[in-house]
Structure formats: structure tokens, C-alpha cells
């Protein structure tokens, strides 16, 4: 591992009272987010650094790396260290590296990621994590926020936790990406990616944490709410109104600043987040300024109910 100029003098720096790390760690908020210093992502990760970064990812949910002038090939190699990479069906790709999504916005193309979401939750097997690199960004604006959905679940009232136990939700690619894909391709996309059901509360496969796993971008409805609760309501579809209210209430949990961290991008900044336990929101306040990013996404696992 080759250290960057910002590497600490000592090889092990205490980030808090519980952990030691082979790199410097600066926490951004008490709930989520940490900047990693002293790691040069141009170089292959040795086993110690890889294991420590994975442990840090689980603890802090999203990791930030500054001044990482890496090539697309190095970006792909770094992400592959954490697992197999997906190829996104709707976004444009790098011409030499189909695993790299190109996110380009300018004075003719406004961003549409300004909603709380978990990447590709519409897949039967959603992603484990995403690694996003800033190529070009505005001097002001275009920040991204990440949200700790473990904390969002932990802080729910007990009666809400009881209500959502055993519930499943449907996640669908078309409501959002149908905008970006021509209508004549919708049927093929629907055939390849039909709506899927995931538990409203999933268990993290590595930490055992419970995660609130619904998001306003891709979650369309609760699939078994009526089966579990219809007897509680008066007539007909009365329970449907309660389902809508509950789902909207769950969506709003991601909006609490107490669960969030906000990053101001600079060129060659990289954010690496655990997509199982996080949502994120790309702030669309920079149009018509250009903003160009590259993203590699690691395939994850099938969500399991708590």
C-alpha cells in the first residue's frame, strides 16, 4: 500500500475508543460517514487494508476518500476487490469498462437523482455497495447526502416496529427509469426486471443489524399489508388508506437530518457506501453547471427478513 501525502505519521490511528485502523479516520457525524486518509487507491489493496476498509464500511456506512486521481481501470479494480460488479441496464457506460456507469449532467441535461433511494432495490438481488468518483463538479452545489437506515429503524416507535414486522414491499424499476428509457423498450425492461418483493425490515448479512428497507424512488406498495391487517379496518378498502399513510411515514424517516451526512464534492473525491444499510440523495441545486461522475456497483445478496 502506497501512502498519500496526507498519510499520518503513525501506521495505526485511533478513530474512537473502540477501534484501531491502519489509516487515518475522521468521522463526519456521530451517526454516519467517515473520511479515510493514508490510502492510495491507485495501488491494489493489501489484505490488511482491504479487511480494515470493509470493517470501516460496516461501521460508518459510507467512506470518503479525497484526492484519488485514479483511472477508470483502477476504479473498476478497486471496486472488484469487494465483489462482482453489476452492469446497469439504463445508464450509459464507460466505453472500455461496462461496469462503470457514467453520470453526466450539464446545461441541457438536469439531474434526476434528487430523491431518497437505495440503488437498484428493484433487482431480485440488490447491490452490496457503490463506489462513486467525482470527475467534474460545480464550485458550489451538487452535494450528496447519505442516510443511515439502521438508525432510522432503531429509532422507530415500538408500535410502528410491531406494525411493520412481517411486511413485504414491492420494488419496481419502471416508475423511475421508465423516464430514461424509450417507451418502446418498456416491455423488454419489464420482462427482464419484473417487480420484486423485499422485506420492509431486512437483516444486514454481515452485522445482523435491522434495516428499514423501503425508498421513495422504487418502492411502490406494501404487498401483504391487507392480508395482515384488513380485519382492523371497517369496510372494503379502508385498510388501503392506512397502508398508503404507513408507507409515506416510512419514506419520511430518511429525511431526518440526525441520520444523514452531507458531502461537498471535489474532483477526484470518491464515496464508497453500503447500499444495504444506506439511502442517498443527490442534491439538484447546480443546474445548469456541469457535474460528471463515474460509479461502480458491487452485487450484493437477496434481502432476508428480520
Protein backbone atom coordinates (compact mmCIF):
# COMPACT_ATOMS: atom_id res chain seq x y z
CA UNK A 1 0.00 0.00 0.00
CA UNK A 2 1.45 3.37 -1.03
CA UNK A 3 0.61 6.23 1.30
CA UNK A 4 -0.65 9.57 0.01
CA UNK A 5 0.78 12.92 1.13
CA UNK A 6 -1.95 13.15 3.77
CA UNK A 7 -0.89 9.89 5.44
CA UNK A 8 -0.46 10.07 9.21
CA UNK A 9 2.99 9.70 10.82
CA UNK A 10 1.97 6.56 12.71
CA UNK A 11 0.67 3.46 10.95
CA UNK A 12 -2.24 2.99 13.33
CA UNK A 13 -4.55 5.83 14.29
CA UNK A 14 -7.33 5.52 16.82
CA UNK A 15 -10.65 6.63 15.33
CA UNK A 16 -12.58 6.24 18.57
CA UNK A 17 -12.40 4.34 21.83
CA UNK A 18 -13.36 1.02 20.25
CA UNK A 19 -11.34 0.64 17.05
CA UNK A 20 -7.86 0.93 15.62
CA UNK A 21 -7.22 1.32 11.90
CA UNK A 22 -4.19 1.11 9.60
CA UNK A 23 -5.12 4.54 8.21
CA UNK A 24 -6.44 7.84 9.50
CA UNK A 25 -10.19 8.12 10.08
CA UNK A 26 -12.17 11.34 10.53
CA UNK A 27 -15.80 10.86 11.47
CA UNK A 28 -18.20 13.31 9.81
CA UNK A 29 -21.24 12.84 12.08
CA UNK A 30 -21.98 10.70 15.16
CA UNK A 31 -24.37 8.56 13.05
CA UNK A 32 -22.83 8.07 9.63
CA UNK A 33 -19.85 8.87 7.44
CA UNK A 34 -16.05 8.95 7.77
CA UNK A 35 -13.17 10.25 5.67
CA UNK A 36 -10.28 7.83 5.13
CA UNK A 37 -6.76 9.23 4.77
CA UNK A 38 -3.49 7.49 4.06
CA UNK A 39 -4.75 5.04 1.41
CA UNK A 40 -3.77 5.44 -2.25
CA UNK A 41 -6.47 3.76 -4.35
CA UNK A 42 -4.20 3.66 -7.39
CA UNK A 43 -2.50 0.68 -5.77
CA UNK A 44 -4.05 -2.77 -5.22
CA UNK A 45 -5.31 -3.17 -1.66
CA UNK A 46 -3.30 -5.50 0.51
CA UNK A 47 -5.25 -7.90 2.70
CA UNK A 48 -4.90 -5.84 5.88
CA UNK A 49 -6.10 -2.63 4.26
CA UNK A 50 -8.93 -4.37 2.46
CA UNK A 51 -10.18 -6.01 5.68
CA UNK A 52 -9.94 -2.72 7.57
CA UNK A 53 -11.82 -0.81 4.87
CA UNK A 54 -14.58 -3.41 4.84
CA UNK A 55 -14.83 -3.17 8.63
CA UNK A 56 -14.92 0.63 8.42
CA UNK A 57 -17.63 0.46 5.76
CA UNK A 58 -19.82 -1.64 8.05
CA UNK A 59 -19.25 0.73 10.97
CA UNK A 60 -19.55 4.13 9.27
CA UNK A 61 -21.87 3.10 6.36
CA UNK A 62 -20.19 5.49 3.88
CA UNK A 63 -16.47 6.21 3.41
CA UNK A 64 -14.96 9.26 1.73
CA UNK A 65 -11.57 9.41 0.00
CA UNK A 66 -10.12 12.73 -1.21
CA UNK A 67 -7.54 13.41 -3.95
CA UNK A 68 -7.77 10.00 -5.62
CA UNK A 69 -6.71 10.61 -9.22
CA UNK A 70 -7.43 7.09 -10.44
CA UNK A 71 -8.05 5.78 -13.94
CA UNK A 72 -11.29 4.02 -14.92
CA UNK A 73 -9.40 0.71 -14.89
CA UNK A 74 -8.16 1.37 -11.34
CA UNK A 75 -11.70 2.34 -10.31
CA UNK A 76 -13.03 -0.99 -11.58
CA UNK A 77 -10.18 -2.93 -9.97
CA UNK A 78 -10.74 -1.26 -6.60
CA UNK A 79 -14.48 -1.95 -6.65
CA UNK A 80 -13.93 -5.57 -7.74
CA UNK A 81 -11.87 -6.12 -4.59
CA UNK A 82 -15.20 -6.03 -2.75
CA UNK A 83 -17.16 -8.32 -5.07
CA UNK A 84 -18.56 -8.91 -8.54
CA UNK A 85 -19.73 -5.78 -10.33
CA UNK A 86 -23.10 -5.24 -11.99
CA UNK A 87 -23.84 -3.65 -15.35
CA UNK A 88 -26.68 -1.15 -15.13
CA UNK A 89 -29.42 -1.60 -17.75
CA UNK A 90 -30.42 2.05 -18.15
CA UNK A 91 -27.44 4.36 -17.53
CA UNK A 92 -24.69 4.89 -20.13
CA UNK A 93 -21.43 3.03 -19.53
CA UNK A 94 -17.76 3.79 -19.97
CA UNK A 95 -16.77 2.61 -23.49
CA UNK A 96 -13.95 0.38 -22.20
CA UNK A 97 -15.43 -0.61 -18.84
CA UNK A 98 -19.14 -1.50 -18.94
CA UNK A 99 -19.13 -1.88 -15.14
CA UNK A 100 -18.63 1.89 -14.85
CA UNK A 101 -21.78 3.98 -15.06
CA UNK A 102 -21.34 7.48 -16.49
CA UNK A 103 -23.48 10.13 -14.77
CA UNK A 104 -23.19 13.32 -16.77
CA UNK A 105 -25.21 16.50 -16.22
CA UNK A 106 -24.85 19.83 -17.98
CA UNK A 107 -26.78 22.88 -19.16
CA UNK A 108 -29.07 20.72 -21.31
CA UNK A 109 -29.47 17.71 -19.01
CA UNK A 110 -30.82 18.21 -15.49
CA UNK A 111 -30.14 15.60 -12.80
CA UNK A 112 -32.98 13.36 -11.60
CA UNK A 113 -31.36 11.66 -8.62
CA UNK A 114 -32.74 14.21 -6.14
CA UNK A 115 -34.89 11.77 -4.22
CA UNK A 116 -34.12 9.38 -1.39
CA UNK A 117 -33.26 5.94 -2.72
CA UNK A 118 -31.27 2.76 -2.37
CA UNK A 119 -29.55 1.82 -5.63
CA UNK A 120 -31.19 -0.97 -7.67
CA UNK A 121 -33.52 -2.12 -4.88
CA UNK A 122 -35.69 -3.20 -7.84
CA UNK A 123 -33.30 -6.08 -8.51
CA UNK A 124 -34.05 -9.51 -7.07
CA UNK A 125 -30.52 -9.31 -5.67
CA UNK A 126 -29.79 -5.62 -4.97
CA UNK A 127 -26.31 -4.18 -4.67
CA UNK A 128 -23.93 -4.52 -1.77
CA UNK A 129 -22.34 -1.13 -2.30
CA UNK A 130 -21.47 1.62 -4.73
CA UNK A 131 -18.22 3.46 -5.36
CA UNK A 132 -18.80 6.92 -6.87
CA UNK A 133 -15.99 9.15 -8.14
CA UNK A 134 -16.29 12.85 -8.95
CA UNK A 135 -14.74 13.71 -12.33
CA UNK A 136 -16.10 17.25 -12.58
CA UNK A 137 -18.36 19.15 -10.20
CA UNK A 138 -19.61 22.68 -9.62
CA UNK A 139 -17.69 25.03 -7.35
CA UNK A 140 -20.86 25.28 -5.28
CA UNK A 141 -23.75 22.80 -5.20
CA UNK A 142 -24.24 19.24 -6.30
CA UNK A 143 -23.67 17.72 -2.85
CA UNK A 144 -24.79 14.20 -2.00
CA UNK A 145 -26.39 13.07 1.27
CA UNK A 146 -26.34 9.56 2.72
CA UNK A 147 -28.76 8.25 5.31
CA UNK A 148 -28.22 5.55 7.94
CA UNK A 149 -31.32 3.36 7.63
CA UNK A 150 -30.22 1.21 10.56
CA UNK A 151 -30.58 4.27 12.78
CA UNK A 152 -33.87 5.08 11.05
CA UNK A 153 -35.22 1.66 12.04
CA UNK A 154 -33.75 1.68 15.54
CA UNK A 155 -35.48 4.98 16.36
CA UNK A 156 -38.94 3.99 15.16
CA UNK A 157 -41.60 3.86 17.87
CA UNK A 158 -42.19 0.36 19.20
CA UNK A 159 -45.76 0.28 17.93
CA UNK A 160 -44.55 1.04 14.38
CA UNK A 161 -41.93 -1.70 14.61
CA UNK A 162 -44.73 -4.07 15.57
CA UNK A 163 -46.90 -2.92 12.65
CA UNK A 164 -44.19 -3.42 10.05
CA UNK A 165 -42.88 -6.75 11.31
CA UNK A 166 -43.52 -9.35 8.62
CA UNK A 167 -44.46 -6.82 5.95
CA UNK A 168 -43.13 -7.05 2.40
CA UNK A 169 -42.84 -4.23 -0.13
CA UNK A 170 -42.76 -4.22 -3.92
CA UNK A 171 -39.84 -2.51 -5.68
CA UNK A 172 -40.17 -1.60 -9.37
CA UNK A 173 -37.66 -0.24 -11.90
CA UNK A 174 -40.13 1.35 -14.33
CA UNK A 175 -41.66 4.23 -12.34
CA UNK A 176 -38.28 5.99 -12.27
CA UNK A 177 -36.18 4.53 -15.09
CA UNK A 178 -39.12 4.41 -17.46
CA UNK A 179 -38.45 8.13 -17.86
CA UNK A 180 -34.91 7.50 -19.11
CA UNK A 181 -35.75 4.55 -21.38
CA UNK A 182 -37.82 4.94 -24.60
CA UNK A 183 -41.40 3.67 -24.27
CA UNK A 184 -40.86 1.01 -26.92
CA UNK A 185 -38.27 -0.57 -24.60
CA UNK A 186 -40.51 -0.67 -21.53
CA UNK A 187 -41.96 -4.11 -22.26
CA UNK A 188 -38.49 -5.63 -22.64
CA UNK A 189 -37.31 -3.96 -19.43
CA UNK A 190 -40.40 -5.19 -17.59
CA UNK A 191 -39.79 -8.74 -18.84
CA UNK A 192 -36.16 -8.65 -17.75
CA UNK A 193 -36.77 -6.85 -14.46
CA UNK A 194 -40.26 -7.60 -13.13
CA UNK A 195 -41.33 -6.05 -9.83
CA UNK A 196 -39.81 -7.82 -6.82
CA UNK A 197 -40.77 -8.18 -3.18
CA UNK A 198 -38.35 -7.43 -0.35
CA UNK A 199 -38.95 -7.34 3.40
CA UNK A 200 -39.73 -3.92 4.81
CA UNK A 201 -37.20 -4.69 7.55
CA UNK A 202 -34.17 -6.61 6.31
CA UNK A 203 -31.24 -8.01 8.28
CA UNK A 204 -27.73 -6.96 7.35
CA UNK A 205 -25.91 -10.15 6.31
CA UNK A 206 -22.61 -9.12 7.90
CA UNK A 207 -23.59 -7.19 11.03
CA UNK A 208 -27.02 -8.60 11.90
CA UNK A 209 -28.43 -5.06 12.14
CA UNK A 210 -32.08 -4.44 11.27
CA UNK A 211 -32.56 -2.02 8.37
CA UNK A 212 -35.63 -0.08 7.22
CA UNK A 213 -35.64 -1.11 3.56
CA UNK A 214 -38.18 0.97 1.63
CA UNK A 215 -37.42 4.01 -0.50
CA UNK A 216 -39.46 6.61 -2.35
CA UNK A 217 -37.75 6.01 -5.72
CA UNK A 218 -38.53 2.34 -6.24
CA UNK A 219 -40.95 1.08 -3.56
CA UNK A 220 -44.50 1.18 -4.91
CA UNK A 221 -46.64 -0.53 -2.25
CA UNK A 222 -46.80 -2.99 0.62
CA UNK A 223 -47.69 -6.35 -0.90
CA UNK A 224 -49.16 -8.13 2.12
CA UNK A 225 -50.49 -5.27 4.24
CA UNK A 226 -54.12 -6.20 3.60
CA UNK A 227 -53.53 -9.84 4.49
CA UNK A 228 -52.05 -8.92 7.84
CA UNK A 229 -54.26 -6.01 8.83
CA UNK A 230 -57.54 -5.95 6.90
CA UNK A 231 -59.54 -7.09 9.92
CA UNK A 232 -58.52 -3.96 11.80
CA UNK A 233 -60.42 -1.69 9.41
CA UNK A 234 -64.10 -1.07 8.88
CA UNK A 235 -65.18 -1.75 5.33
CA UNK A 236 -63.85 -2.58 1.89
CA UNK A 237 -60.53 -0.96 1.08
CA UNK A 238 -60.38 1.11 4.25
CA UNK A 239 -57.06 -0.58 5.06
CA UNK A 240 -55.58 0.68 1.79
CA UNK A 241 -55.57 4.27 3.04
CA UNK A 242 -53.74 3.16 6.16
CA UNK A 243 -51.19 1.30 4.01
CA UNK A 244 -50.50 4.45 1.99
CA UNK A 245 -50.14 6.52 5.15
CA UNK A 246 -47.78 3.98 6.71
CA UNK A 247 -45.58 3.74 3.63
CA UNK A 248 -45.33 7.53 3.36
CA UNK A 249 -44.43 7.68 7.05
CA UNK A 250 -41.65 5.13 6.47
CA UNK A 251 -40.37 7.05 3.43
CA UNK A 252 -40.10 10.22 5.53
CA UNK A 253 -37.70 8.61 8.00
CA UNK A 254 -34.87 9.12 5.51
CA UNK A 255 -35.41 12.89 5.68
CA UNK A 256 -34.31 13.22 9.32
CA UNK A 257 -31.02 15.20 9.49
CA UNK A 258 -30.00 13.17 12.53
CA UNK A 259 -29.49 10.12 10.29
CA UNK A 260 -27.68 11.98 7.48
CA UNK A 261 -24.25 13.05 6.33
CA UNK A 262 -23.66 15.54 3.50
CA UNK A 263 -20.59 15.58 1.26
CA UNK A 264 -19.29 18.53 -0.72
CA UNK A 265 -17.65 17.03 -3.78
CA UNK A 266 -14.28 17.96 -5.21
CA UNK A 267 -12.71 16.41 -8.32
CA UNK A 268 -11.17 13.01 -7.52
CA UNK A 269 -13.25 12.56 -4.39
CA UNK A 270 -14.60 9.02 -4.01
CA UNK A 271 -17.56 7.94 -1.87
CA UNK A 272 -18.00 4.24 -1.10
CA UNK A 273 -21.22 3.30 0.66
CA UNK A 274 -23.00 0.22 1.97
CA UNK A 275 -26.11 0.18 -0.18
CA UNK A 276 -27.79 -2.35 2.10
CA UNK A 277 -27.88 -0.03 5.10
CA UNK A 278 -27.91 3.38 3.38
CA UNK A 279 -30.08 5.53 1.20
CA UNK A 280 -28.73 8.58 -0.58
CA UNK A 281 -29.94 11.79 -2.20
CA UNK A 282 -28.12 13.82 -4.88
CA UNK A 283 -28.96 17.48 -4.38
CA UNK A 284 -30.09 19.09 -7.66
CA UNK A 285 -29.19 22.72 -6.97
CA UNK A 286 -26.41 23.22 -9.53
CA UNK A 287 -28.20 23.30 -12.91
CA UNK A 288 -27.01 24.47 -15.47
CA UNK A 289 -23.46 23.87 -14.18
CA UNK A 290 -21.82 20.62 -15.32
CA UNK A 291 -21.41 17.65 -12.98
CA UNK A 292 -19.80 14.39 -14.15
CA UNK A 293 -19.37 11.23 -12.08
CA UNK A 294 -18.40 7.58 -12.55
CA UNK A 295 -19.89 4.78 -10.45
CA UNK A 296 -19.08 1.10 -9.97
CA UNK A 297 -21.63 -1.01 -8.11
CA UNK A 298 -20.91 -4.26 -6.26
CA UNK A 299 -23.54 -7.01 -6.48
CA UNK A 300 -25.00 -7.90 -3.10
CA UNK A 301 -27.33 -10.52 -1.68
CA UNK A 302 -31.02 -11.32 -1.52
CA UNK A 303 -32.63 -9.35 1.36
CA UNK A 304 -33.68 -11.51 4.29
CA UNK A 305 -36.46 -10.53 6.68
CA UNK A 306 -35.73 -9.68 10.29
